[in-house]
Amino acid sequence: MTGSQNSEHFYKRFLKKLEISHSWPGMYMFKFIMPSNSNYIEELISIFEDFDINISRKYSSNRKFLSISINTKLDLPEEVIEIYKKTSHFKGLIRL
């Protein structure tokens, strides 16, 4: 998600896509890419502390970047939007 993807217009369109493409409640995978020396890796993961998650981490071949995939069950597509909004302040984070 880019800076323009933080707009309410983007989130409204994204919500409609989530409603169409997923069954709710259901599993959803969040994927994030960040510099591997980032100071907010644990803070990012703590956003999911109230959820039962399956997490995987994978470093790029040169170990400059870290990919974190978090799979969890959510009740509503709005929960996906709220989690993405909570991650919008992390500098250098790519949200897929």
N, C-alpha and C. Protein backbone atom coordinates (compact mmCIF):
# COMPACT_ATOMS: atom_id res chain seq x y z
N MET A 1 0.84 -1.17 0.00
CA MET A 1 0.00 0.00 0.00
C MET A 1 0.89 1.24 0.00
N THR A 2 0.59 2.15 -0.85
CA THR A 2 1.37 3.38 -0.93
C THR A 2 0.67 4.49 -0.17
N GLY A 3 1.28 5.67 -0.17
CA GLY A 3 0.70 6.81 0.53
C GLY A 3 -0.71 7.11 0.07
N SER A 4 -0.94 7.02 -1.25
CA SER A 4 -2.29 7.28 -1.76
C SER A 4 -3.28 6.21 -1.32
N GLN A 5 -2.75 5.08 -0.91
CA GLN A 5 -3.62 4.00 -0.45
C GLN A 5 -4.09 4.20 0.98
N ASN A 6 -3.68 5.26 1.61
CA ASN A 6 -4.15 5.55 2.96
C ASN A 6 -5.43 6.37 2.95
N SER A 7 -5.93 6.72 1.76
CA SER A 7 -7.13 7.54 1.68
C SER A 7 -8.38 6.71 1.96
N GLU A 8 -9.40 7.39 2.42
CA GLU A 8 -10.67 6.72 2.70
C GLU A 8 -11.26 6.12 1.43
N HIS A 9 -11.05 6.80 0.29
CA HIS A 9 -11.56 6.29 -0.98
C HIS A 9 -10.94 4.92 -1.28
N PHE A 10 -9.63 4.82 -1.07
CA PHE A 10 -8.96 3.54 -1.29
C PHE A 10 -9.55 2.46 -0.38
N TYR A 11 -9.72 2.78 0.90
CA TYR A 11 -10.22 1.79 1.85
C TYR A 11 -11.65 1.36 1.54
N LYS A 12 -12.46 2.26 1.03
CA LYS A 12 -13.83 1.88 0.64
C LYS A 12 -13.81 0.89 -0.51
N ARG A 13 -12.97 1.15 -1.51
CA ARG A 13 -12.85 0.21 -2.64
C ARG A 13 -12.27 -1.13 -2.18
N PHE A 14 -11.27 -1.06 -1.32
CA PHE A 14 -10.64 -2.27 -0.80
C PHE A 14 -11.65 -3.10 -0.01
N LEU A 15 -12.48 -2.44 0.79
CA LEU A 15 -13.51 -3.13 1.57
C LEU A 15 -14.46 -3.89 0.65
N LYS A 16 -14.89 -3.27 -0.42
CA LYS A 16 -15.79 -3.94 -1.37
C LYS A 16 -15.12 -5.16 -1.99
N LYS A 17 -13.84 -5.05 -2.32
CA LYS A 17 -13.10 -6.19 -2.87
C LYS A 17 -12.99 -7.32 -1.85
N LEU A 18 -12.76 -6.97 -0.59
CA LEU A 18 -12.68 -7.99 0.46
C LEU A 18 -14.02 -8.69 0.64
N GLU A 19 -15.10 -7.94 0.58
CA GLU A 19 -16.43 -8.53 0.74
C GLU A 19 -16.74 -9.52 -0.38
N ILE A 20 -16.26 -9.22 -1.58
CA ILE A 20 -16.53 -10.08 -2.74
C ILE A 20 -15.59 -11.28 -2.78
N SER A 21 -14.33 -11.07 -2.45
CA SER A 21 -13.32 -12.11 -2.67
C SER A 21 -13.10 -13.08 -1.52
N HIS A 22 -13.64 -12.79 -0.35
CA HIS A 22 -13.43 -13.65 0.82
C HIS A 22 -14.77 -14.01 1.46
N SER A 23 -14.76 -15.12 2.17
CA SER A 23 -15.91 -15.50 2.99
C SER A 23 -15.63 -15.07 4.41
N TRP A 24 -16.62 -14.46 5.05
CA TRP A 24 -16.45 -13.96 6.42
C TRP A 24 -17.43 -14.64 7.35
N PRO A 25 -16.99 -15.07 8.52
CA PRO A 25 -15.62 -15.05 9.02
C PRO A 25 -14.74 -15.99 8.20
N GLY A 26 -13.45 -15.68 8.18
CA GLY A 26 -12.54 -16.49 7.40
C GLY A 26 -11.09 -16.12 7.64
N MET A 27 -10.22 -16.89 7.01
CA MET A 27 -8.78 -16.68 7.15
C MET A 27 -8.35 -15.55 6.22
N TYR A 28 -7.40 -14.75 6.70
CA TYR A 28 -6.84 -13.68 5.89
C TYR A 28 -5.34 -13.63 6.14
N MET A 29 -4.57 -13.46 5.06
CA MET A 29 -3.12 -13.38 5.19
C MET A 29 -2.66 -11.94 4.94
N PHE A 30 -1.99 -11.39 5.94
CA PHE A 30 -1.34 -10.10 5.82
C PHE A 30 0.11 -10.36 5.44
N LYS A 31 0.63 -9.55 4.53
CA LYS A 31 2.02 -9.70 4.15
C LYS A 31 2.67 -8.32 4.18
N PHE A 32 3.80 -8.26 4.86
CA PHE A 32 4.53 -7.01 5.03
C PHE A 32 5.99 -7.23 4.64
N ILE A 33 6.58 -6.20 4.04
CA ILE A 33 8.01 -6.23 3.73
C ILE A 33 8.60 -4.97 4.34
N MET A 34 9.73 -5.14 5.01
CA MET A 34 10.37 -4.01 5.68
C MET A 34 11.88 -4.21 5.69
N PRO A 35 12.62 -3.13 5.94
CA PRO A 35 14.07 -3.31 6.11
C PRO A 35 14.32 -4.25 7.29
N SER A 36 15.27 -5.14 7.14
CA SER A 36 15.51 -6.14 8.19
C SER A 36 16.08 -5.53 9.47
N ASN A 37 16.63 -4.32 9.38
CA ASN A 37 17.16 -3.67 10.58
C ASN A 37 16.13 -2.73 11.21
N SER A 38 14.90 -2.88 10.84
CA SER A 38 13.83 -2.01 11.34
C SER A 38 13.65 -2.15 12.84
N ASN A 39 13.31 -1.04 13.47
CA ASN A 39 13.09 -1.03 14.91
C ASN A 39 11.66 -1.38 15.30
N TYR A 40 10.78 -1.56 14.35
CA TYR A 40 9.37 -1.75 14.69
C TYR A 40 8.83 -3.14 14.36
N ILE A 41 9.68 -4.10 14.16
CA ILE A 41 9.22 -5.46 13.83
C ILE A 41 8.31 -5.99 14.94
N GLU A 42 8.75 -5.90 16.18
CA GLU A 42 7.95 -6.42 17.29
C GLU A 42 6.68 -5.59 17.50
N GLU A 43 6.77 -4.28 17.27
CA GLU A 43 5.58 -3.44 17.39
C GLU A 43 4.54 -3.82 16.35
N LEU A 44 4.99 -4.12 15.14
CA LEU A 44 4.09 -4.57 14.08
C LEU A 44 3.39 -5.86 14.50
N ILE A 45 4.14 -6.80 14.99
CA ILE A 45 3.57 -8.09 15.40
C ILE A 45 2.62 -7.91 16.58
N SER A 46 2.91 -6.96 17.45
CA SER A 46 2.05 -6.75 18.62
C SER A 46 0.65 -6.27 18.24
N ILE A 47 0.47 -5.73 17.05
CA ILE A 47 -0.87 -5.34 16.59
C ILE A 47 -1.80 -6.54 16.56
N PHE A 48 -1.22 -7.72 16.41
CA PHE A 48 -2.00 -8.95 16.29
C PHE A 48 -2.10 -9.72 17.61
N GLU A 49 -1.75 -9.09 18.74
CA GLU A 49 -1.71 -9.80 20.01
C GLU A 49 -3.06 -10.36 20.46
N ASP A 50 -4.15 -9.80 19.99
CA ASP A 50 -5.48 -10.30 20.37
C ASP A 50 -6.02 -11.36 19.41
N PHE A 51 -5.19 -11.76 18.44
CA PHE A 51 -5.62 -12.73 17.44
C PHE A 51 -4.79 -14.00 17.55
N ASP A 52 -5.38 -15.10 17.15
CA ASP A 52 -4.65 -16.36 17.02
C ASP A 52 -3.99 -16.32 15.65
N ILE A 53 -2.66 -16.24 15.61
CA ILE A 53 -1.97 -16.05 14.34
C ILE A 53 -0.98 -17.17 14.06
N ASN A 54 -0.71 -17.32 12.77
CA ASN A 54 0.38 -18.14 12.28
C ASN A 54 1.29 -17.17 11.55
N ILE A 55 2.52 -17.06 12.00
CA ILE A 55 3.44 -16.07 11.45
C ILE A 55 4.65 -16.74 10.82
N SER A 56 5.08 -16.20 9.70
CA SER A 56 6.32 -16.68 9.09
C SER A 56 7.16 -15.47 8.69
N ARG A 57 8.46 -15.65 8.83
CA ARG A 57 9.42 -14.59 8.49
C ARG A 57 10.40 -15.14 7.47
N LYS A 58 10.73 -14.30 6.51
CA LYS A 58 11.71 -14.73 5.50
C LYS A 58 12.54 -13.52 5.10
N TYR A 59 13.87 -13.69 5.15
CA TYR A 59 14.78 -12.63 4.76
C TYR A 59 15.07 -12.70 3.27
N SER A 60 15.33 -11.54 2.67
CA SER A 60 15.74 -11.51 1.28
C SER A 60 17.13 -12.14 1.16
N SER A 61 17.53 -12.45 -0.07
CA SER A 61 18.80 -13.15 -0.26
C SER A 61 19.99 -12.35 0.28
N ASN A 62 19.92 -11.02 0.24
CA ASN A 62 21.01 -10.21 0.78
C ASN A 62 20.75 -9.78 2.23
N ARG A 63 19.66 -10.26 2.80
CA ARG A 63 19.25 -10.01 4.19
C ARG A 63 18.98 -8.53 4.50
N LYS A 64 18.74 -7.74 3.47
CA LYS A 64 18.42 -6.33 3.68
C LYS A 64 16.95 -6.13 4.02
N PHE A 65 16.12 -7.08 3.60
CA PHE A 65 14.68 -6.96 3.82
C PHE A 65 14.13 -8.21 4.49
N LEU A 66 13.06 -7.99 5.22
CA LEU A 66 12.37 -9.07 5.91
C LEU A 66 10.92 -9.09 5.45
N SER A 67 10.45 -10.24 5.07
CA SER A 67 9.05 -10.43 4.71
C SER A 67 8.37 -11.14 5.88
N ILE A 68 7.27 -10.56 6.34
CA ILE A 68 6.50 -11.18 7.42
C ILE A 68 5.10 -11.46 6.89
N SER A 69 4.70 -12.72 6.99
CA SER A 69 3.35 -13.13 6.62
C SER A 69 2.62 -13.54 7.89
N ILE A 70 1.43 -12.99 8.07
CA ILE A 70 0.63 -13.29 9.24
C ILE A 70 -0.74 -13.76 8.78
N ASN A 71 -1.06 -14.98 9.13
CA ASN A 71 -2.33 -15.58 8.75
C ASN A 71 -3.20 -15.67 10.00
N THR A 72 -4.42 -15.16 9.91
CA THR A 72 -5.31 -15.18 11.06
C THR A 72 -6.77 -15.25 10.61
N LYS A 73 -7.62 -15.68 11.51
CA LYS A 73 -9.05 -15.72 11.22
C LYS A 73 -9.68 -14.42 11.71
N LEU A 74 -10.45 -13.80 10.83
CA LEU A 74 -11.13 -12.56 11.15
C LEU A 74 -12.62 -12.73 10.92
N ASP A 75 -13.41 -11.99 11.68
CA ASP A 75 -14.86 -12.09 11.56
C ASP A 75 -15.42 -11.21 10.45
N LEU A 76 -14.81 -10.06 10.24
CA LEU A 76 -15.35 -9.07 9.31
C LEU A 76 -14.25 -8.47 8.44
N PRO A 77 -14.58 -8.08 7.22
CA PRO A 77 -13.57 -7.44 6.38
C PRO A 77 -13.10 -6.10 6.94
N GLU A 78 -13.94 -5.45 7.72
CA GLU A 78 -13.55 -4.18 8.34
C GLU A 78 -12.34 -4.35 9.27
N GLU A 79 -12.18 -5.56 9.83
CA GLU A 79 -11.02 -5.82 10.69
C GLU A 79 -9.72 -5.75 9.88
N VAL A 80 -9.76 -6.20 8.65
CA VAL A 80 -8.59 -6.12 7.77
C VAL A 80 -8.21 -4.65 7.59
N ILE A 81 -9.20 -3.83 7.29
CA ILE A 81 -8.98 -2.40 7.07
C ILE A 81 -8.38 -1.76 8.33
N GLU A 82 -8.93 -2.07 9.48
CA GLU A 82 -8.44 -1.48 10.73
C GLU A 82 -6.99 -1.86 11.01
N ILE A 83 -6.65 -3.11 10.74
CA ILE A 83 -5.27 -3.55 10.96
C ILE A 83 -4.33 -2.82 10.01
N TYR A 84 -4.70 -2.73 8.73
CA TYR A 84 -3.85 -1.99 7.80
C TYR A 84 -3.70 -0.53 8.21
N LYS A 85 -4.75 0.08 8.71
CA LYS A 85 -4.65 1.47 9.16
C LYS A 85 -3.69 1.60 10.34
N LYS A 86 -3.67 0.60 11.22
CA LYS A 86 -2.76 0.63 12.37
C LYS A 86 -1.30 0.52 11.95
N THR A 87 -1.04 0.02 10.75
CA THR A 87 0.34 -0.14 10.28
C THR A 87 0.79 1.02 9.41
N SER A 88 -0.08 1.97 9.15
CA SER A 88 0.22 3.02 8.17
C SER A 88 1.34 3.97 8.61
N HIS A 89 1.66 4.04 9.88
CA HIS A 89 2.68 4.97 10.36
C HIS A 89 4.09 4.41 10.35
N PHE A 90 4.25 3.12 10.05
CA PHE A 90 5.59 2.52 10.05
C PHE A 90 6.37 2.95 8.81
N LYS A 91 7.47 3.64 9.00
CA LYS A 91 8.28 4.12 7.90
C LYS A 91 8.97 2.97 7.17
N GLY A 92 8.86 2.98 5.85
CA GLY A 92 9.53 1.97 5.04
C GLY A 92 8.79 0.64 4.94
N LEU A 93 7.62 0.54 5.55
CA LEU A 93 6.86 -0.71 5.51
C LEU A 93 6.07 -0.80 4.21
N ILE A 94 6.19 -1.92 3.55
CA ILE A 94 5.38 -2.20 2.36
C ILE A 94 4.29 -3.16 2.79
N ARG A 95 3.05 -2.78 2.54
CA ARG A 95 1.91 -3.62 2.91
C ARG A 95 1.32 -4.19 1.64
N LEU A 96 1.31 -5.50 1.55
CA LEU A 96 0.79 -6.17 0.33
C LEU A 96 -0.59 -6.71 0.57
